[in-house]
Amino acid sequence: MRTRGGPVLDVINPKVDHLGVVAEAKRRLRIDDYDEDDEVWCILDTELDPKLTEALLVKAGSEVELALSTPCFEFWLLLH
């Protein structure tokens, strides 16, 4: 998706679990051609699981930004 003068978004939906999504984002960050100003984000539901949230934060480290939703992203979209 490209907007005039705005960001370029590359939406990728790998068929893996939550931690696999973050691992894939880190892999793509290493091998794809990103500019130094680019950011890589993962938008994930946490399923109200504090252990999953903590594992995602650890896995992402400082390389990948996370947008975690609770209870689920689809519910947030319905509200807005």
PDB file of N, CA and C in Angstrom:
ATOM      1  N   MET A   1       0.860  -1.166   0.000  1.00  0.00           N
ATOM      2  CA  MET A   1       0.000   0.000   0.000  1.00  0.00           C
ATOM      3  C   MET A   1       0.906   1.229   0.000  1.00  0.00           C
ATOM      4  N   ARG A   2       0.635   2.143  -0.867  1.00  0.00           N
ATOM      5  CA  ARG A   2       1.468   3.341  -0.947  1.00  0.00           C
ATOM      6  C   ARG A   2       0.545   4.564  -0.955  1.00  0.00           C
ATOM      7  N   THR A   3       0.883   5.537  -0.117  1.00  0.00           N
ATOM      8  CA  THR A   3       0.144   6.788  -0.107  1.00  0.00           C
ATOM      9  C   THR A   3       1.089   7.900  -0.534  1.00  0.00           C
ATOM     10  N   ARG A   4       0.532   8.949  -1.047  1.00  0.00           N
ATOM     11  CA  ARG A   4       1.363  10.050  -1.528  1.00  0.00           C
ATOM     12  C   ARG A   4       2.183  10.630  -0.381  1.00  0.00           C
ATOM     13  N   GLY A   5       3.490  10.459  -0.435  1.00  0.00           N
ATOM     14  CA  GLY A   5       4.373  11.013   0.579  1.00  0.00           C
ATOM     15  C   GLY A   5       4.339  10.272   1.899  1.00  0.00           C
ATOM     16  N   GLY A   6       3.579   9.191   1.977  1.00  0.00           N
ATOM     17  CA  GLY A   6       3.452   8.461   3.235  1.00  0.00           C
ATOM     18  C   GLY A   6       4.261   7.186   3.241  1.00  0.00           C
ATOM     19  N   PRO A   7       4.031   6.370   4.225  1.00  0.00           N
ATOM     20  CA  PRO A   7       4.815   5.146   4.362  1.00  0.00           C
ATOM     21  C   PRO A   7       4.436   4.096   3.324  1.00  0.00           C
ATOM     22  N   VAL A   8       5.348   3.197   3.097  1.00  0.00           N
ATOM     23  CA  VAL A   8       5.098   2.026   2.262  1.00  0.00           C
ATOM     24  C   VAL A   8       4.929   0.850   3.207  1.00  0.00           C
ATOM     25  N   LEU A   9       3.796   0.161   3.094  1.00  0.00           N
ATOM     26  CA  LEU A   9       3.509  -0.960   3.983  1.00  0.00           C
ATOM     27  C   LEU A   9       3.582  -2.260   3.207  1.00  0.00           C
ATOM     28  N   ASP A  10       4.282  -3.216   3.772  1.00  0.00           N
ATOM     29  CA  ASP A  10       4.376  -4.549   3.183  1.00  0.00           C
ATOM     30  C   ASP A  10       3.728  -5.503   4.182  1.00  0.00           C
ATOM     31  N   VAL A  11       2.546  -5.980   3.880  1.00  0.00           N
ATOM     32  CA  VAL A  11       1.804  -6.842   4.794  1.00  0.00           C
ATOM     33  C   VAL A  11       2.104  -8.294   4.459  1.00  0.00           C
ATOM     34  N   ILE A  12       2.606  -9.008   5.443  1.00  0.00           N
ATOM     35  CA  ILE A  12       2.984 -10.405   5.264  1.00  0.00           C
ATOM     36  C   ILE A  12       2.297 -11.218   6.350  1.00  0.00           C
ATOM     37  N   ASN A  13       1.714 -12.336   5.968  1.00  0.00           N
ATOM     38  CA  ASN A  13       1.015 -13.193   6.918  1.00  0.00           C
ATOM     39  C   ASN A  13       1.574 -14.617   6.825  1.00  0.00           C
ATOM     40  N   PRO A  14       2.712 -14.874   7.497  1.00  0.00           N
ATOM     41  CA  PRO A  14       3.246 -16.236   7.443  1.00  0.00           C
ATOM     42  C   PRO A  14       2.340 -17.191   8.221  1.00  0.00           C
ATOM     43  N   LYS A  15       2.263 -18.421   7.790  1.00  0.00           N
ATOM     44  CA  LYS A  15       1.398 -19.415   8.426  1.00  0.00           C
ATOM     45  C   LYS A  15       2.153 -20.107   9.574  1.00  0.00           C
ATOM     46  N   VAL A  16       2.435 -19.324  10.615  1.00  0.00           N
ATOM     47  CA  VAL A  16       3.150 -19.832  11.789  1.00  0.00           C
ATOM     48  C   VAL A  16       2.497 -19.285  13.049  1.00  0.00           C
ATOM     49  N   ASP A  17       2.981 -19.736  14.209  1.00  0.00           N
ATOM     50  CA  ASP A  17       2.440 -19.245  15.475  1.00  0.00           C
ATOM     51  C   ASP A  17       2.978 -17.838  15.778  1.00  0.00           C
ATOM     52  N   HIS A  18       2.571 -17.286  16.911  1.00  0.00           N
ATOM     53  CA  HIS A  18       2.940 -15.916  17.283  1.00  0.00           C
ATOM     54  C   HIS A  18       4.455 -15.706  17.295  1.00  0.00           C
ATOM     55  N   LEU A  19       5.166 -16.593  17.950  1.00  0.00           N
ATOM     56  CA  LEU A  19       6.623 -16.448  18.035  1.00  0.00           C
ATOM     57  C   LEU A  19       7.270 -16.632  16.665  1.00  0.00           C
ATOM     58  N   GLY A  20       6.673 -17.456  15.837  1.00  0.00           N
ATOM     59  CA  GLY A  20       7.161 -17.640  14.474  1.00  0.00           C
ATOM     60  C   GLY A  20       7.025 -16.383  13.632  1.00  0.00           C
ATOM     61  N   VAL A  21       5.968 -15.612  13.870  1.00  0.00           N
ATOM     62  CA  VAL A  21       5.783 -14.350  13.153  1.00  0.00           C
ATOM     63  C   VAL A  21       6.929 -13.396  13.479  1.00  0.00           C
ATOM     64  N   VAL A  22       7.271 -13.310  14.761  1.00  0.00           N
ATOM     65  CA  VAL A  22       8.361 -12.426  15.176  1.00  0.00           C
ATOM     66  C   VAL A  22       9.692 -12.927  14.612  1.00  0.00           C
ATOM     67  N   ALA A  23       9.904 -14.236  14.639  1.00  0.00           N
ATOM     68  CA  ALA A  23      11.138 -14.803  14.075  1.00  0.00           C
ATOM     69  C   ALA A  23      11.231 -14.505  12.577  1.00  0.00           C
ATOM     70  N   GLU A  24      10.113 -14.603  11.866  1.00  0.00           N
ATOM     71  CA  GLU A  24      10.093 -14.304  10.433  1.00  0.00           C
ATOM     72  C   GLU A  24      10.381 -12.824  10.188  1.00  0.00           C
ATOM     73  N   ALA A  25       9.848 -11.956  11.024  1.00  0.00           N
ATOM     74  CA  ALA A  25      10.114 -10.521  10.887  1.00  0.00           C
ATOM     75  C   ALA A  25      11.604 -10.236  11.071  1.00  0.00           C
ATOM     76  N   LYS A  26      12.220 -10.861  12.063  1.00  0.00           N
ATOM     77  CA  LYS A  26      13.649 -10.666  12.294  1.00  0.00           C
ATOM     78  C   LYS A  26      14.470 -11.222  11.133  1.00  0.00           C
ATOM     79  N   ARG A  27      14.045 -12.353  10.581  1.00  0.00           N
ATOM     80  CA  ARG A  27      14.752 -12.948   9.440  1.00  0.00           C
ATOM     81  C   ARG A  27      14.694 -12.007   8.241  1.00  0.00           C
ATOM     82  N   ARG A  28      13.505 -11.482   7.959  1.00  0.00           N
ATOM     83  CA  ARG A  28      13.348 -10.573   6.819  1.00  0.00           C
ATOM     84  C   ARG A  28      14.131  -9.282   7.030  1.00  0.00           C
ATOM     85  N   LEU A  29      14.210  -8.829   8.265  1.00  0.00           N
ATOM     86  CA  LEU A  29      14.978  -7.628   8.577  1.00  0.00           C
ATOM     87  C   LEU A  29      16.456  -7.836   8.233  1.00  0.00           C
ATOM     88  N   ARG A  30      16.946  -9.049   8.465  1.00  0.00           N
ATOM     89  CA  ARG A  30      18.350  -9.355   8.170  1.00  0.00           C
ATOM     90  C   ARG A  30      18.613  -9.506   6.680  1.00  0.00           C
ATOM     91  N   ILE A  31      17.679 -10.120   5.929  1.00  0.00           N
ATOM     92  CA  ILE A  31      17.987 -10.465   4.537  1.00  0.00           C
ATOM     93  C   ILE A  31      17.396  -9.514   3.506  1.00  0.00           C
ATOM     94  N   ASP A  32      16.336  -8.788   3.829  1.00  0.00           N
ATOM     95  CA  ASP A  32      15.713  -7.890   2.856  1.00  0.00           C
ATOM     96  C   ASP A  32      16.434  -6.547   2.828  1.00  0.00           C
ATOM     97  N   ASP A  33      16.168  -5.789   1.787  1.00  0.00           N
ATOM     98  CA  ASP A  33      16.827  -4.507   1.578  1.00  0.00           C
ATOM     99  C   ASP A  33      16.018  -3.390   2.235  1.00  0.00           C
ATOM    100  N   TYR A  34      16.302  -3.119   3.504  1.00  0.00           N
ATOM    101  CA  TYR A  34      15.627  -2.052   4.233  1.00  0.00           C
ATOM    102  C   TYR A  34      16.555  -0.855   4.379  1.00  0.00           C
ATOM    103  N   ASP A  35      15.991   0.344   4.378  1.00  0.00           N
ATOM    104  CA  ASP A  35      16.763   1.545   4.685  1.00  0.00           C
ATOM    105  C   ASP A  35      16.947   1.633   6.191  1.00  0.00           C
ATOM    106  N   GLU A  36      17.912   2.413   6.628  1.00  0.00           N
ATOM    107  CA  GLU A  36      18.171   2.501   8.070  1.00  0.00           C
ATOM    108  C   GLU A  36      17.011   3.150   8.834  1.00  0.00           C
ATOM    109  N   ASP A  37      16.173   3.923   8.144  1.00  0.00           N
ATOM    110  CA  ASP A  37      15.023   4.563   8.794  1.00  0.00           C
ATOM    111  C   ASP A  37      13.795   3.656   8.849  1.00  0.00           C
ATOM    112  N   ASP A  38      13.815   2.536   8.147  1.00  0.00           N
ATOM    113  CA  ASP A  38      12.662   1.639   8.100  1.00  0.00           C
ATOM    114  C   ASP A  38      12.445   0.958   9.447  1.00  0.00           C
ATOM    115  N   GLU A  39      11.187   0.627   9.723  1.00  0.00           N
ATOM    116  CA  GLU A  39      10.821  -0.106  10.925  1.00  0.00           C
ATOM    117  C   GLU A  39      10.076  -1.368  10.528  1.00  0.00           C
ATOM    118  N   VAL A  40      10.257  -2.413  11.300  1.00  0.00           N
ATOM    119  CA  VAL A  40       9.530  -3.661  11.105  1.00  0.00           C
ATOM    120  C   VAL A  40       8.637  -3.851  12.322  1.00  0.00           C
ATOM    121  N   TRP A  41       7.341  -4.025  12.054  1.00  0.00           N
ATOM    122  CA  TRP A  41       6.345  -4.175  13.108  1.00  0.00           C
ATOM    123  C   TRP A  41       5.624  -5.509  12.964  1.00  0.00           C
ATOM    124  N   CYS A  42       5.244  -6.089  14.104  1.00  0.00           N
ATOM    125  CA  CYS A  42       4.354  -7.252  14.140  1.00  0.00           C
ATOM    126  C   CYS A  42       3.124  -6.847  14.939  1.00  0.00           C
ATOM    127  N   ILE A  43       1.951  -7.079  14.373  1.00  0.00           N
ATOM    128  CA  ILE A  43       0.686  -6.811  15.059  1.00  0.00           C
ATOM    129  C   ILE A  43       0.082  -8.161  15.407  1.00  0.00           C
ATOM    130  N   LEU A  44      -0.036  -8.423  16.708  1.00  0.00           N
ATOM    131  CA  LEU A  44      -0.441  -9.753  17.166  1.00  0.00           C
ATOM    132  C   LEU A  44      -1.448  -9.661  18.303  1.00  0.00           C
ATOM    133  N   ASP A  45      -2.345 -10.639  18.358  1.00  0.00           N
ATOM    134  CA  ASP A  45      -3.229 -10.810  19.508  1.00  0.00           C
ATOM    135  C   ASP A  45      -2.453 -11.567  20.575  1.00  0.00           C
ATOM    136  N   THR A  46      -2.643 -11.176  21.822  1.00  0.00           N
ATOM    137  CA  THR A  46      -1.939 -11.874  22.906  1.00  0.00           C
ATOM    138  C   THR A  46      -2.785 -12.968  23.535  1.00  0.00           C
ATOM    139  N   GLU A  47      -4.043 -13.079  23.123  1.00  0.00           N
ATOM    140  CA  GLU A  47      -4.939 -14.125  23.641  1.00  0.00           C
ATOM    141  C   GLU A  47      -5.051 -14.089  25.173  1.00  0.00           C
ATOM    142  N   LEU A  48      -4.855 -12.907  25.756  1.00  0.00           N
ATOM    143  CA  LEU A  48      -4.929 -12.718  27.216  1.00  0.00           C
ATOM    144  C   LEU A  48      -3.945 -13.610  27.966  1.00  0.00           C
ATOM    145  N   ASP A  49      -2.817 -13.905  27.364  1.00  0.00           N
ATOM    146  CA  ASP A  49      -1.825 -14.801  27.951  1.00  0.00           C
ATOM    147  C   ASP A  49      -0.567 -14.010  28.316  1.00  0.00           C
ATOM    148  N   PRO A  50      -0.367 -13.720  29.613  1.00  0.00           N
ATOM    149  CA  PRO A  50       0.804 -12.924  30.000  1.00  0.00           C
ATOM    150  C   PRO A  50       2.136 -13.609  29.675  1.00  0.00           C
ATOM    151  N   LYS A  51       2.175 -14.930  29.692  1.00  0.00           N
ATOM    152  CA  LYS A  51       3.419 -15.633  29.351  1.00  0.00           C
ATOM    153  C   LYS A  51       3.736 -15.464  27.867  1.00  0.00           C
ATOM    154  N   LEU A  52       2.701 -15.487  27.023  1.00  0.00           N
ATOM    155  CA  LEU A  52       2.899 -15.269  25.592  1.00  0.00           C
ATOM    156  C   LEU A  52       3.393 -13.852  25.344  1.00  0.00           C
ATOM    157  N   THR A  53       2.799 -12.889  26.014  1.00  0.00           N
ATOM    158  CA  THR A  53       3.216 -11.496  25.861  1.00  0.00           C
ATOM    159  C   THR A  53       4.686 -11.331  26.210  1.00  0.00           C
ATOM    160  N   GLU A  54       5.097 -11.884  27.329  1.00  0.00           N
ATOM    161  CA  GLU A  54       6.495 -11.788  27.754  1.00  0.00           C
ATOM    162  C   GLU A  54       7.425 -12.469  26.750  1.00  0.00           C
ATOM    163  N   ALA A  55       7.037 -13.641  26.256  1.00  0.00           N
ATOM    164  CA  ALA A  55       7.854 -14.359  25.276  1.00  0.00           C
ATOM    165  C   ALA A  55       7.989 -13.556  23.984  1.00  0.00           C
ATOM    166  N   LEU A  56       6.918 -12.892  23.561  1.00  0.00           N
ATOM    167  CA  LEU A  56       6.959 -12.068  22.352  1.00  0.00           C
ATOM    168  C   LEU A  56       7.908 -10.884  22.529  1.00  0.00           C
ATOM    169  N   LEU A  57       7.842 -10.244  23.689  1.00  0.00           N
ATOM    170  CA  LEU A  57       8.717  -9.098  23.955  1.00  0.00           C
ATOM    171  C   LEU A  57      10.184  -9.511  23.957  1.00  0.00           C
ATOM    172  N   VAL A  58      10.472 -10.652  24.557  1.00  0.00           N
ATOM    173  CA  VAL A  58      11.848 -11.152  24.590  1.00  0.00           C
ATOM    174  C   VAL A  58      12.316 -11.500  23.183  1.00  0.00           C
ATOM    175  N   LYS A  59      11.482 -12.199  22.424  1.00  0.00           N
ATOM    176  CA  LYS A  59      11.837 -12.627  21.063  1.00  0.00           C
ATOM    177  C   LYS A  59      12.076 -11.428  20.146  1.00  0.00           C
ATOM    178  N   ALA A  60      11.252 -10.390  20.267  1.00  0.00           N
ATOM    179  CA  ALA A  60      11.366  -9.218  19.398  1.00  0.00           C
ATOM    180  C   ALA A  60      12.628  -8.417  19.698  1.00  0.00           C
ATOM    181  N   GLY A  61      13.009  -8.364  20.965  1.00  0.00           N
ATOM    182  CA  GLY A  61      14.177  -7.577  21.337  1.00  0.00           C
ATOM    183  C   GLY A  61      14.008  -6.131  20.914  1.00  0.00           C
ATOM    184  N   SER A  62      15.092  -5.530  20.488  1.00  0.00           N
ATOM    185  CA  SER A  62      15.031  -4.129  20.059  1.00  0.00           C
ATOM    186  C   SER A  62      14.927  -4.005  18.541  1.00  0.00           C
ATOM    187  N   GLU A  63      14.942  -5.126  17.829  1.00  0.00           N
ATOM    188  CA  GLU A  63      14.938  -5.090  16.366  1.00  0.00           C
ATOM    189  C   GLU A  63      13.551  -4.928  15.762  1.00  0.00           C
ATOM    190  N   VAL A  64      12.547  -5.548  16.385  1.00  0.00           N
ATOM    191  CA  VAL A  64      11.198  -5.583  15.829  1.00  0.00           C
ATOM    192  C   VAL A  64      10.246  -4.890  16.801  1.00  0.00           C
ATOM    193  N   GLU A  65       9.418  -3.998  16.258  1.00  0.00           N
ATOM    194  CA  GLU A  65       8.402  -3.319  17.069  1.00  0.00           C
ATOM    195  C   GLU A  65       7.173  -4.202  17.159  1.00  0.00           C
ATOM    196  N   LEU A  66       6.512  -4.188  18.317  1.00  0.00           N
ATOM    197  CA  LEU A  66       5.312  -4.991  18.515  1.00  0.00           C
ATOM    198  C   LEU A  66       4.114  -4.097  18.790  1.00  0.00           C
ATOM    199  N   ALA A  67       2.979  -4.469  18.212  1.00  0.00           N
ATOM    200  CA  ALA A  67       1.688  -3.875  18.547  1.00  0.00           C
ATOM    201  C   ALA A  67       0.830  -5.047  19.010  1.00  0.00           C
ATOM    202  N   LEU A  68       0.678  -5.173  20.319  1.00  0.00           N
ATOM    203  CA  LEU A  68      -0.045  -6.307  20.892  1.00  0.00           C
ATOM    204  C   LEU A  68      -1.445  -5.878  21.274  1.00  0.00           C
ATOM    205  N   SER A  69      -2.428  -6.676  20.887  1.00  0.00           N
ATOM    206  CA  SER A  69      -3.816  -6.338  21.202  1.00  0.00           C
ATOM    207  C   SER A  69      -4.411  -7.398  22.113  1.00  0.00           C
ATOM    208  N   THR A  70      -5.286  -6.922  22.985  1.00  0.00           N
ATOM    209  CA  THR A  70      -6.001  -7.800  23.894  1.00  0.00           C
ATOM    210  C   THR A  70      -7.410  -7.260  24.004  1.00  0.00           C
ATOM    211  N   PRO A  71      -8.472  -8.013  23.838  1.00  0.00           N
ATOM    212  CA  PRO A  71      -8.490  -9.456  23.666  1.00  0.00           C
ATOM    213  C   PRO A  71      -8.119  -9.888  22.266  1.00  0.00           C
ATOM    214  N   CYS A  72      -8.520  -9.151  21.217  1.00  0.00           N
ATOM    215  CA  CYS A  72      -8.088  -9.517  19.873  1.00  0.00           C
ATOM    216  C   CYS A  72      -8.217  -8.297  18.970  1.00  0.00           C
ATOM    217  N   PHE A  73      -7.411  -8.280  17.922  1.00  0.00           N
ATOM    218  CA  PHE A  73      -7.369  -7.148  17.004  1.00  0.00           C
ATOM    219  C   PHE A  73      -8.703  -6.966  16.283  1.00  0.00           C
ATOM    220  N   GLU A  74      -9.351  -8.067  15.941  1.00  0.00           N
ATOM    221  CA  GLU A  74     -10.625  -7.976  15.226  1.00  0.00           C
ATOM    222  C   GLU A  74     -11.681  -7.257  16.062  1.00  0.00           C
ATOM    223  N   PHE A  75     -11.698  -7.507  17.374  1.00  0.00           N
ATOM    224  CA  PHE A  75     -12.647  -6.837  18.261  1.00  0.00           C
ATOM    225  C   PHE A  75     -12.355  -5.339  18.292  1.00  0.00           C
ATOM    226  N   TRP A  76     -11.077  -4.965  18.337  1.00  0.00           N
ATOM    227  CA  TRP A  76     -10.690  -3.568  18.310  1.00  0.00           C
ATOM    228  C   TRP A  76     -11.190  -2.901  17.030  1.00  0.00           C
ATOM    229  N   LEU A  77     -11.039  -3.595  15.895  1.00  0.00           N
ATOM    230  CA  LEU A  77     -11.526  -3.038  14.626  1.00  0.00           C
ATOM    231  C   LEU A  77     -13.035  -2.824  14.648  1.00  0.00           C
ATOM    232  N   LEU A  78     -13.770  -3.767  15.225  1.00  0.00           N
ATOM    233  CA  LEU A  78     -15.218  -3.619  15.306  1.00  0.00           C
ATOM    234  C   LEU A  78     -15.614  -2.400  16.134  1.00  0.00           C
ATOM    235  N   LEU A  79     -14.869  -2.129  17.186  1.00  0.00           N
ATOM    236  CA  LEU A  79     -15.176  -0.983  18.052  1.00  0.00           C
ATOM    237  C   LEU A  79     -14.882   0.345  17.386  1.00  0.00           C
ATOM    238  N   HIS A  80     -13.982   0.332  16.423  1.00  0.00           N
ATOM    239  CA  HIS A  80     -13.576   1.586  15.797  1.00  0.00           C
ATOM    240  C   HIS A  80     -14.083   1.641  14.384  1.00  0.00           C
TER     241      HIS A  80
END
